[in-house]
Every structure is written in C-alpha cells, then in structure tokens.
Protein backbone atom coordinates (compact mmCIF):
# COMPACT_ATOMS: atom_id res chain seq x y z
CA MET A 1 37.09 -1.48 14.53
CA SER A 2 37.13 2.32 14.74
CA ASP A 3 33.98 4.44 14.83
CA THR A 4 33.37 7.66 12.97
CA TRP A 5 30.90 10.22 14.31
CA SER A 6 30.13 13.76 13.14
CA LEU A 7 27.76 16.19 14.79
CA LEU A 8 25.58 18.15 12.38
CA ASP A 9 22.96 20.67 13.53
CA ALA A 10 23.41 19.80 17.21
CA SER A 11 23.05 22.11 20.19
CA GLU A 12 25.66 22.33 22.95
CA THR A 13 23.48 20.13 25.15
CA GLU A 14 23.19 17.54 22.38
CA ALA A 15 26.92 17.67 21.70
CA ALA A 16 27.50 16.83 25.36
CA ALA A 17 24.87 14.07 25.36
CA PHE A 18 26.05 12.45 22.11
CA PRO A 19 29.84 12.99 22.00
CA THR A 20 30.61 9.64 20.34
CA LEU A 21 28.85 6.99 18.30
CA ALA A 22 29.25 4.57 21.20
CA ALA A 23 27.33 6.98 23.45
CA VAL A 24 24.54 7.24 20.88
CA ILE A 25 24.26 3.47 20.50
CA GLU A 26 24.22 3.02 24.27
CA ALA A 27 21.42 5.59 24.59
CA ALA A 28 19.24 3.89 21.96
CA GLY A 29 16.08 2.34 23.35
CA GLU A 30 13.18 0.38 21.93
CA LEU A 31 12.30 0.03 18.27
CA ALA A 32 10.15 2.81 16.84
CA ALA A 33 8.77 0.55 14.11
CA PRO A 34 9.15 -3.05 12.92
CA PRO A 35 12.65 -3.49 11.46
CA ASN A 36 13.60 -5.04 8.16
CA ARG A 37 16.78 -6.83 7.17
CA TRP A 38 18.43 -3.61 5.97
CA ARG A 39 17.61 -1.09 8.67
CA GLU A 40 15.85 -0.31 11.91
CA VAL A 41 14.83 2.84 13.78
CA ARG A 42 15.29 3.16 17.54
CA ILE A 43 14.00 5.72 20.02
CA VAL A 44 16.49 7.82 21.96
CA ASP A 45 15.20 9.85 24.92
CA ARG A 46 17.55 12.37 26.51
CA ALA A 47 16.88 15.31 28.87
CA GLY A 48 13.18 15.43 28.08
CA HIS A 49 13.70 15.35 24.32
CA ARG A 50 13.11 12.53 21.84
CA TYR A 51 15.35 11.54 18.97
CA TYR A 52 15.34 8.76 16.40
CA LEU A 53 18.40 6.72 15.50
CA LYS A 54 18.26 5.14 12.05
CA VAL A 55 20.54 2.13 11.87
CA PHE A 56 21.45 0.96 8.36
CA HIS A 57 22.92 -2.51 8.92
CA ARG A 58 24.54 -2.40 5.52
CA THR A 59 24.08 -0.49 2.31
CA GLN A 60 22.68 -2.58 -0.55
CA THR A 61 24.82 -2.89 -3.67
CA LYS A 62 22.22 -1.06 -5.76
CA ASN A 63 22.23 1.80 -3.24
CA ARG A 64 26.02 1.97 -3.32
CA LEU A 65 25.86 2.33 -7.10
CA ARG A 66 23.15 4.97 -6.86
CA ASN A 67 25.04 6.85 -4.15
CA ALA A 68 28.19 6.84 -6.27
CA LEU A 69 26.55 7.79 -9.58
CA THR A 70 23.89 10.31 -8.57
CA ALA A 71 23.90 13.44 -6.43
CA PRO A 72 24.38 13.95 -3.58
CA ARG A 73 27.30 11.56 -4.03
CA CYS A 74 28.32 9.57 -0.97
CA THR A 75 28.97 5.98 0.11
CA LEU A 76 26.52 4.86 2.79
CA ASP A 77 22.78 5.24 3.30
CA ALA A 78 23.18 7.33 6.46
CA ASP A 79 25.39 9.77 4.56
CA ARG A 80 22.75 9.96 1.82
CA GLU A 81 20.02 10.71 4.35
CA ALA A 82 22.10 13.50 5.88
CA ALA A 83 22.98 15.00 2.49
CA VAL A 84 19.39 14.97 1.20
CA ALA A 85 18.14 16.45 4.47
CA ARG A 86 20.74 19.20 4.22
CA ALA A 87 19.77 19.98 0.62
CA LEU A 88 16.07 20.18 1.45
CA SER A 89 16.66 22.31 4.52
CA SER A 90 18.81 24.71 2.49
CA ALA A 91 15.95 25.01 -0.02
CA GLY A 92 13.49 25.89 2.75
CA VAL A 93 11.74 22.50 2.93
CA PRO A 94 11.29 21.50 6.60
CA VAL A 95 12.87 18.19 7.65
CA ALA A 96 13.65 16.53 10.96
CA ARG A 97 16.61 18.39 12.46
CA GLN A 98 19.89 16.54 11.90
CA VAL A 99 21.93 15.79 15.00
CA GLY A 100 24.68 13.46 13.84
CA VAL A 101 25.86 10.81 11.42
CA GLY A 102 28.36 8.00 11.91
CA ARG A 103 29.68 4.62 10.94
CA ARG A 104 30.86 1.40 12.59
CA GLY A 105 32.14 -1.13 10.10
CA ARG A 106 29.49 -1.75 7.43
CA THR A 107 26.75 -0.25 9.63
CA SER A 108 25.91 3.44 9.34
CA TYR A 109 23.90 5.59 11.74
CA TYR A 110 21.81 8.74 11.42
CA LEU A 111 20.44 10.60 14.45
CA CYS A 112 17.71 13.21 14.10
CA ALA A 113 15.39 15.08 16.44
CA ALA A 114 11.78 13.92 16.60
CA LEU A 115 9.25 16.05 14.78
CA GLU A 116 6.37 17.50 16.74
CA GLY A 117 3.00 16.43 15.41
CA GLU A 118 1.71 13.38 13.54
CA SER A 119 1.97 11.86 10.10
CA VAL A 120 -0.62 12.59 7.44
CA ALA A 121 -1.45 8.87 7.30
CA SER A 122 -2.18 8.80 11.04
CA LEU A 123 -4.44 11.85 10.82
CA ARG A 124 -6.31 10.31 7.88
CA ARG A 125 -6.79 6.99 9.65
CA ASP A 126 -8.22 8.72 12.72
CA GLY A 127 -10.60 10.91 10.71
CA ARG A 128 -8.82 14.14 11.67
CA TRP A 129 -7.86 15.11 8.14
CA ARG A 130 -9.95 17.62 6.19
CA ALA A 131 -10.39 17.43 2.44
CA SER A 132 -9.37 21.10 2.31
CA ASP A 133 -5.94 20.09 3.66
CA ASP A 134 -5.23 18.17 0.45
CA ARG A 135 -4.33 21.39 -1.36
CA ASP A 136 -1.63 22.36 1.12
CA LEU A 137 -0.28 18.80 1.21
CA ALA A 138 -0.02 18.68 -2.58
CA GLU A 139 1.77 22.04 -2.59
CA PHE A 140 4.25 20.77 0.00
CA CYS A 141 4.96 17.49 -1.81
CA GLY A 142 5.40 19.38 -5.07
CA SER A 143 7.79 21.80 -3.39
CA ILE A 144 10.16 18.91 -2.66
CA ALA A 145 10.56 18.26 -6.39
CA ALA A 146 10.73 21.99 -7.06
CA ALA A 147 13.67 22.11 -4.64
CA GLY A 148 15.51 19.65 -6.88
CA ILE A 149 15.01 16.53 -4.76
CA VAL A 150 13.36 13.35 -6.04
CA LEU A 151 11.77 11.18 -3.32
CA THR A 152 10.35 8.20 -5.17
CA ASP A 153 9.22 6.53 -1.94
CA LEU A 154 7.39 9.58 -0.59
CA SER A 155 4.31 8.51 1.35
CA ALA A 156 1.66 9.82 3.73
CA ASP A 157 3.58 8.07 6.53
CA HIS A 158 6.65 10.21 5.82
CA VAL A 159 4.97 13.63 5.74
CA PHE A 160 4.26 15.11 9.17
CA VAL A 161 1.96 17.93 10.22
CA THR A 162 3.82 20.01 12.81
CA PRO A 163 2.83 23.22 14.61
CA ASP A 164 4.79 25.12 11.95
CA GLY A 165 3.43 23.29 8.90
CA PHE A 166 4.51 20.21 6.98
CA ALA A 167 7.83 18.39 7.27
CA VAL A 168 9.25 15.27 5.64
CA ILE A 169 11.29 12.32 6.94
CA ASP A 170 12.89 9.12 5.59
CA LEU A 171 15.15 10.60 2.95
CA HIS A 172 17.86 8.01 2.31
CA ASN A 173 16.38 7.03 -1.08
CA GLY A 174 16.30 10.62 -2.30
CA ARG A 175 18.40 12.06 -5.08
CA GLN A 176 19.12 15.49 -6.47
CA ARG A 177 17.72 16.18 -9.92
CA ARG A 178 16.57 19.52 -11.26
CA HIS A 179 13.60 18.01 -13.11
CA PRO A 180 12.32 14.54 -12.10
CA LYS A 181 11.94 12.10 -14.96
CA ARG A 182 8.46 10.92 -15.88
CA ARG A 183 9.09 7.43 -14.54
CA GLU A 184 10.21 8.96 -11.22
CA TRP A 185 6.95 10.91 -10.96
CA VAL A 186 5.02 7.71 -11.68
CA ARG A 187 6.94 5.75 -9.07
CA MET A 188 6.47 8.45 -6.44
CA LEU A 189 2.72 8.75 -7.07
CA ARG A 190 2.27 4.98 -7.01
CA ARG A 191 4.03 4.83 -3.65
CA PHE A 192 1.99 7.70 -2.24
CA ALA A 193 -1.25 6.11 -3.47
CA ARG A 194 -0.40 2.86 -1.67
CA SER A 195 0.06 4.77 1.59
CA VAL A 196 -3.50 6.17 1.50
CA ARG A 197 -5.29 3.21 -0.05
CA GLY A 198 -8.25 2.21 2.07
CA LEU A 199 -8.50 5.66 3.69
CA ASP A 200 -11.65 6.76 1.82
CA VAL A 201 -10.05 8.95 -0.84
CA SER A 202 -12.17 9.23 -3.97
CA ARG A 203 -10.66 9.02 -7.45
CA ARG A 204 -11.69 12.60 -8.24
CA ARG A 205 -10.08 13.88 -5.07
CA ALA A 206 -6.91 11.91 -5.81
CA LEU A 207 -6.67 13.34 -9.33
CA ARG A 208 -7.05 16.90 -8.02
CA PHE A 209 -4.24 16.18 -5.58
CA VAL A 210 -2.01 14.79 -8.35
CA ALA A 211 -2.71 17.75 -10.64
CA ARG A 212 -1.77 20.29 -7.98
CA LEU A 213 1.32 18.34 -6.89
CA LEU A 214 2.61 18.08 -10.46
CA ASP A 215 1.89 21.74 -11.13
CA ARG A 216 3.83 22.81 -8.03
CA GLY A 217 6.66 20.45 -8.94
CA GLY A 218 6.96 21.89 -12.44
CA ALA A 219 5.43 18.93 -14.29
CA GLY A 220 1.88 20.18 -14.78
CA GLY A 221 2.20 19.80 -18.54
CA GLN A 222 2.86 16.08 -18.12
CA PHE A 223 -0.33 15.40 -16.14
CA ARG A 224 -2.06 13.23 -18.73
CA ALA A 225 1.07 11.29 -19.69
CA ILE A 226 1.85 10.55 -16.03
CA VAL A 227 -1.71 9.63 -14.99
CA GLU A 228 -2.00 7.23 -17.94
CA ARG A 229 0.88 5.27 -16.44
CA LEU A 230 -0.67 5.01 -12.98
CA PRO A 231 -2.77 2.00 -11.94
CA PRO A 232 -6.44 2.63 -11.08
CA PHE A 233 -6.60 4.50 -7.79
CA ASP A 234 -9.57 2.46 -6.56
CA THR A 235 -11.75 -0.39 -7.75
CA HIS A 236 -15.06 0.96 -6.51
CA GLY A 237 -15.28 4.73 -7.01
CA ARG A 238 -15.66 4.46 -10.77
CA TYR A 239 -18.99 2.68 -10.25
CA ASP A 240 -20.45 5.48 -8.11
CA THR A 241 -20.97 7.76 -11.11
CA GLY A 242 -23.61 7.69 -13.84
CA GLN A 243 -25.18 4.28 -14.49
CA ARG A 244 -21.95 2.30 -14.31
CA SER A 245 -23.09 0.14 -11.41
CA ALA A 246 -26.22 -0.93 -13.28
CA ARG A 247 -24.22 -1.71 -16.41
CA TYR A 248 -21.72 -3.71 -14.36
CA ARG A 249 -24.47 -5.94 -12.97
CA ASP A 250 -25.57 -7.08 -16.42
CA ARG A 251 -22.29 -7.06 -18.34
CA ASN A 252 -20.78 -10.09 -20.08
CA PRO A 253 -23.33 -12.83 -19.21
CA GLU A 254 -21.27 -15.49 -21.01
CA ARG A 255 -18.26 -14.85 -18.82
CA ALA A 256 -20.48 -14.77 -15.74
CA ALA A 257 -21.86 -18.22 -16.63
CA ARG A 258 -18.33 -19.62 -17.02
CA GLU A 259 -17.34 -18.19 -13.66
CA VAL A 260 -20.35 -19.70 -11.91
CA ALA A 261 -19.46 -23.09 -13.42
CA LEU A 262 -15.93 -22.67 -12.06
CA LEU A 263 -17.30 -21.75 -8.64
CA ARG A 264 -19.41 -24.93 -8.61
CA ARG A 265 -16.27 -26.98 -9.17
CA ALA A 266 -14.40 -25.22 -6.39
CA TRP A 267 -17.13 -24.58 -3.81
CA PRO A 268 -16.08 -25.83 -0.34
CA GLY A 269 -19.16 -24.83 1.66
CA ARG A 270 -22.13 -26.76 2.96
CA PRO A 271 -25.87 -25.99 3.00
CA GLY A 272 -26.68 -23.55 5.78
CA ASP A 273 -23.28 -21.84 5.78
CA VAL A 274 -23.15 -18.08 6.34
CA VAL A 275 -21.01 -16.66 3.54
CA ALA A 276 -19.47 -13.17 3.31
CA ASP A 277 -19.05 -12.09 -0.32
CA VAL A 278 -16.51 -9.24 -0.28
CA PRO A 279 -16.51 -7.24 -2.41
CA CYS A 280 -19.95 -8.25 -3.59
CA GLY A 281 -20.31 -5.68 -6.40
CA ALA A 282 -23.87 -5.64 -7.70
CA GLY A 283 -24.56 -9.00 -6.07
CA ARG A 284 -24.09 -11.27 -9.06
CA LEU A 285 -22.96 -14.16 -6.83
CA ALA A 286 -25.95 -13.81 -4.48
CA PRO A 287 -28.30 -16.14 -6.45
CA PHE A 288 -25.57 -18.77 -6.77
CA VAL A 289 -24.74 -18.70 -3.05
CA ALA A 290 -28.33 -18.48 -1.76
CA ARG A 291 -30.20 -20.73 -4.20
CA ASP A 292 -27.62 -23.01 -5.80
CA ARG A 293 -25.57 -23.57 -2.64
CA ASP A 294 -28.41 -23.15 -0.10
CA ALA A 295 -26.32 -20.78 2.04
CA THR A 296 -26.93 -17.40 3.69
CA TRP A 297 -25.35 -14.64 1.60
CA ILE A 298 -23.99 -11.40 3.13
CA GLY A 299 -22.60 -8.82 0.71
CA GLY A 300 -20.02 -6.16 1.50
CA ASP A 301 -18.68 -3.47 -0.82
CA ARG A 302 -17.14 0.01 -0.58
CA SER A 303 -19.35 1.31 -3.38
CA ALA A 304 -22.73 2.62 -2.23
CA ALA A 305 -23.96 2.46 -5.83
CA MET A 306 -23.17 -1.24 -6.02
CA LEU A 307 -25.05 -1.94 -2.81
CA HIS A 308 -27.99 0.03 -4.20
CA GLU A 309 -28.05 -2.34 -7.18
CA VAL A 310 -28.17 -5.32 -4.81
CA LEU A 311 -31.13 -3.88 -2.91
CA ALA A 312 -32.91 -2.95 -6.13
CA VAL A 313 -33.07 -6.65 -6.97
CA ASP A 314 -33.63 -7.95 -3.42
CA PRO A 315 -34.73 -5.33 -0.85
CA ASN A 316 -34.24 -7.91 1.92
CA ALA A 317 -30.64 -8.70 1.06
CA TRP A 318 -28.06 -8.42 3.83
CA VAL A 319 -25.48 -5.85 2.74
CA VAL A 320 -22.92 -3.65 4.46
CA GLN A 321 -20.71 -0.87 3.13
CA CYS A 322 -17.14 -1.73 4.07
CA ASP A 323 -13.55 -2.03 2.93
CA THR A 324 -12.11 -5.47 2.27
CA GLY A 325 -9.08 -4.56 4.37
CA ARG A 326 -11.25 -3.87 7.45
CA LEU A 327 -14.29 -6.12 7.44
CA PRO A 328 -17.01 -5.37 10.02
CA PHE A 329 -17.26 -8.99 11.18
CA PRO A 330 -15.85 -10.58 14.34
CA ASP A 331 -13.13 -13.21 14.24
CA HIS A 332 -14.60 -16.43 12.79
CA GLY A 333 -17.91 -14.56 12.44
CA VAL A 334 -18.97 -16.33 9.22
CA ASN A 335 -18.50 -19.87 7.96
CA GLY A 336 -16.87 -18.84 4.72
CA ALA A 337 -15.53 -15.79 2.90
CA VAL A 338 -15.48 -15.25 -0.87
CA VAL A 339 -13.08 -12.74 -2.44
CA PHE A 340 -13.92 -12.92 -6.13
CA ARG A 341 -12.45 -10.85 -8.98
CA LEU A 342 -10.65 -8.38 -6.71
CA LEU A 343 -7.05 -9.41 -6.09
CA HIS A 344 -5.99 -8.76 -9.68
CA HIS A 345 -6.84 -5.07 -9.11
CA LEU A 346 -4.54 -4.84 -6.07
CA GLU A 347 -0.81 -4.57 -5.65
CA ARG A 348 0.77 -7.27 -3.54
CA GLY A 349 0.64 -5.55 -0.16
CA ALA A 350 -3.05 -4.71 -0.47
CA ALA A 351 -3.79 -8.21 -1.78
CA GLU A 352 -2.12 -9.77 1.25
CA ARG A 353 -4.07 -7.56 3.66
CA THR A 354 -7.32 -8.48 1.92
CA VAL A 355 -6.61 -12.21 2.05
CA ARG A 356 -5.57 -12.09 5.70
CA GLU A 357 -8.70 -10.14 6.62
CA ALA A 358 -10.89 -12.71 4.87
CA ALA A 359 -9.06 -15.42 6.81
CA ARG A 360 -9.70 -13.59 10.07
CA VAL A 361 -13.49 -13.52 9.71
CA ALA A 362 -13.91 -17.02 8.23
CA ALA A 363 -14.37 -19.91 10.65
CA ASP A 364 -14.11 -22.74 8.11
CA TRP A 365 -13.03 -21.78 4.60
CA VAL A 366 -11.96 -18.99 2.24
CA LEU A 367 -12.36 -18.90 -1.55
CA VAL A 368 -10.32 -16.36 -3.51
CA SER A 369 -9.87 -15.74 -7.21
CA PHE A 370 -6.64 -14.41 -8.69
CA PHE A 371 -4.80 -14.02 -11.98
CA HIS A 372 -2.00 -16.53 -12.57
CA PRO A 373 1.28 -15.09 -13.94
CA ILE A 374 1.52 -17.78 -16.63
CA SER A 375 -1.22 -17.07 -19.17
CA GLY A 376 -1.73 -15.67 -22.62
CA HIS A 377 -3.49 -12.66 -21.16
CA ASN A 378 -0.56 -11.82 -18.91
CA VAL A 379 1.86 -11.98 -21.83
CA SER A 380 -0.10 -9.24 -23.60
CA ARG A 381 -0.24 -7.16 -20.42
CA SER A 382 3.52 -7.54 -19.95
CA LEU A 383 4.11 -6.30 -23.48
CA ARG A 384 1.93 -3.27 -22.75
CA ALA A 385 3.97 -2.57 -19.61
CA ILE A 386 7.22 -2.75 -21.60
CA ALA A 387 5.71 -0.20 -23.98
CA GLY A 388 5.16 2.16 -21.04
CA LYS A 389 1.46 1.54 -20.42
CA ALA A 390 0.15 1.26 -16.86
CA ARG A 391 -0.18 -2.28 -15.52
CA THR A 392 -3.82 -2.28 -14.41
CA ARG A 393 -3.98 -5.99 -13.56
CA HIS A 394 -1.74 -7.81 -11.12
CA THR A 395 -0.87 -11.49 -10.89
CA LEU A 396 -0.12 -13.76 -7.94
CA TRP A 397 1.59 -17.12 -7.69
CA PRO A 398 -0.51 -19.82 -5.96
CA HIS A 399 2.27 -20.64 -3.49
CA LEU A 400 2.29 -17.03 -2.29
CA ILE A 401 -1.43 -17.05 -1.41
CA ARG A 402 -0.98 -20.49 0.17
CA ARG A 403 1.76 -19.02 2.39
CA TRP A 404 -0.49 -16.15 3.53
CA MET A 405 -3.34 -18.51 4.31
CA ARG A 406 -1.15 -21.01 6.12
CA ALA A 407 0.07 -18.20 8.38
CA ALA A 408 -3.60 -17.54 9.20
CA GLY A 409 -4.27 -21.17 10.15
CA PHE A 410 -5.61 -22.54 6.87
CA GLU A 411 -3.55 -25.67 6.26
CA HIS A 412 -5.44 -27.24 3.37
CA ALA A 413 -5.61 -25.78 -0.11
CA HIS A 414 -6.52 -26.68 -3.66
CA PHE A 415 -6.70 -24.70 -6.88
CA VAL A 416 -8.95 -24.86 -9.93
CA ALA A 417 -8.88 -23.00 -13.23
CA GLU A 418 -11.09 -22.89 -16.30
CA SER A 419 -8.21 -23.17 -18.78
CA PRO A 420 -4.92 -23.39 -16.85
CA TYR A 421 -2.10 -21.31 -18.35
CA ARG A 422 -4.29 -20.13 -21.23
CA ARG A 423 -6.77 -17.99 -19.32
CA ASP A 424 -5.53 -16.18 -16.25
CA LEU A 425 -8.44 -16.64 -13.78
CA TRP A 426 -7.76 -19.21 -11.05
CA ILE A 427 -9.58 -19.99 -7.81
CA GLY A 428 -7.89 -20.98 -4.57
CA VAL A 429 -9.85 -22.76 -1.83
CA PHE A 430 -8.49 -22.89 1.72
CA SER A 431 -9.88 -24.64 4.79
CA ARG A 432 -8.88 -24.77 8.44
CA GLY A 433 -9.67 -28.46 8.91
CA ALA A 434 -9.93 -31.33 6.47
CA PRO A 435 -10.86 -30.20 2.94
CA ARG A 436 -14.60 -29.76 2.48
CA HIS A 437 -16.28 -30.78 -0.76
CA ARG A 438 -19.89 -31.20 -1.68
C-alpha cells in the first residue's frame, strides 16, 4: 500500500520534520478530542511547536458525492479541508496554517499548525467573553460567506480568538458557493446556536448577532425569512419580558389539571422526599409536590421572572436560578428530579445533557416528560416542517431516554401517557432500585 504526501504551506524546518506521511503518523501523539467513527484529531509536537493531525478513517459516501459534485471538487475529506482552507486564506480569512495532506489506502490525513489563542466557546464558558465582542464575531462569521465559502457546521468551538484576530478551523464540510442558499443559512445558524446554548446568551442578543452576520454575508434582506425557520433560541428568555411570566402561571387550567392527573398516575416518590423541579417555571407543580405528595419542593429555572412568580405566591419557597444542564446540586443531592414540559423544546444533544444531569443529582428516581414521535400532533408538525416552517417542538423515542438513564444507573423504567399515540405528551419514570409506587 503506497502513501501519498504533499507539503503545503510548510517551512524548511517543517519539511525536514515531516518529509513523508509515515513520519507524520509516527510523530502523532495523544488524541486532542474524543474521536468518532469517521475521524480523529491527534496532537503532534515538534521542535517546540504544536500541530494537529486530522485523520479521516474513510470518507462517507455522501461526502464523496458532495466532493465530486460541488466545489472545490476533490475525492477525500482531507483534500476538501485543504482546498477550503486554501480558498479562505486566499480571500483573506484567517485559518490554521496548512502543513501537509496525504493518503494511505482509504484513510486521508491533514496536518495543520495549531492556532494561538482559544475558541470562542471556551472564552464564553469561562466568562471571559464580552457582549461587545459579539459584533466582531458576527462580522467575521459573515465574512466567511462573503468570501464564497459555506460552512454549515460553523460553531463557537471552531472559531478561535488569536493575537491577530479571529480564525476558523474544521473546514472539511465546507463548500464554495457565491451566495449561500437559505436552507444553508438556517443550518449554519442552528449549528452555531447549539454550540452556545446554555452559555447565558439572551434571545435579543442572539438576534442582533444573526442580523449582523447575515448583513455581512450578503443576506441581510433575508433576515425575517431565515429567522422564521430557526427553532426558539431559548425556552426561558421570552418570559423575562412584559407580563409573560404571570400569564404563563395561569394559562390553560384545563390542560394543567390533566397533567396533574397524569403525574399522580406516574409519581414514584414517597412522603418526605426532597424533589428538584427543573425547570420549575412559575411553580405550577409546587402545590402538587408539597401538598398532594407531601414532599419538599425545590424549584430551579433560568428565568428570573419565573422565579419571581414563584416567590410572589410563596415567599418561603426554595428556588434557585440555574440551567438544567448544570444543576447546582451535589451528586445524589435530592431524592427525585422532575423535568416536566422541557425536553420537547430541546434538540437531542441538549435533551440528553438535561436528562443525564437530572440523573446525576437524583438519588432514587427521575421523572421526565417528552413528546412521542407517534401522535396526531406530531403529524401536523411534520407537515409544517415539510412546508418550510421551523420545527419548534422535538420528539423522543422512549427507548432512547431509557438508554440514557440506564447509562446513568437507572435500571427500572415505566411510561405513562394520557392518550397514547393520539396526544404527544408522555411521562417516563426511572428508578435506581426496585420500582417505587405509592
């Protein structure tokens, strides 16, 4: 099996250090990030400098078709990464410096120099990102599209802040197109939104970012049409304006009564349990948990306005402002955790993180609600999606939630629904030991 190896923007020192693909592979060290079945990234340290070797174990069939049918035309993922990086660099968009590209059998390799600095996502997580930086970030992301490159998987993890400004990495899914299509803008913005979800970005701030990015990318006139196709950026910020939180507390009493009846059927707890209700909203489950179930209720929500509504009714209520993906409770710190009417707002990755976090803090049981894919309601939502409308509600299969909970140590599960397969709301109950019923 013969290797191919081509040096790109390599210095004389790098040419001597990486003369062949075999030498590059031998120099590769530990993984830089968790791998997946298609690719991995390894660290290469040489002469006081750091490089990253992207190893594409094989190119998926869909990528081969895309690489053959769209520019820059090539065969393998590593070639695509190199070609997109070259196109961006030629247009003045900073990227990680290319060192070399090669192939061994079905596996392709791309070597680049490490960027100085940190990713935008890392700076946001550590609280070192200023709101005023959003403008420059939006301008940079828009400049990528203005340069004729579509990066539909652009994320805050892929944009770095270097001493010289912004730079972008992870380019193998890019394509050249003078004007991105509307669906490509939507896909890119959905991906970017997922990368900053849970990092305290308000809806208003997100919309300003989107408007500036689209304007810089030449799609400012499509702002409304694109935003209408995006899912809600958050599930709490909309209640922090006007009187929405108060209206939410009292809305749809008939549905609330049906849901409480469903909770009674499913409830796994015992009198005296300490129960975390996250997100608690305006506290509509508090009377049921405290009085009907004789348990201690603790409410957590990201929305300060919602927590204000809880305290307006019961000034002595135990509440905490928090994110469901990072609960401020120790491992097994409460008897049970309730995640009610949230998961259908979240895409799958965020839903899994929320469920796993609830499992972490619950010593005995977890109760979660979700929307089942087989229902009359979901049929109508699917038709809306086909018509180009944003899918604002997400469904989950019971076996998927069961798998997440089993990985967290919850072996026992049962499910209840008000009207199975007609209405979409289901409840899953999971326990660590033998099932608990009152």
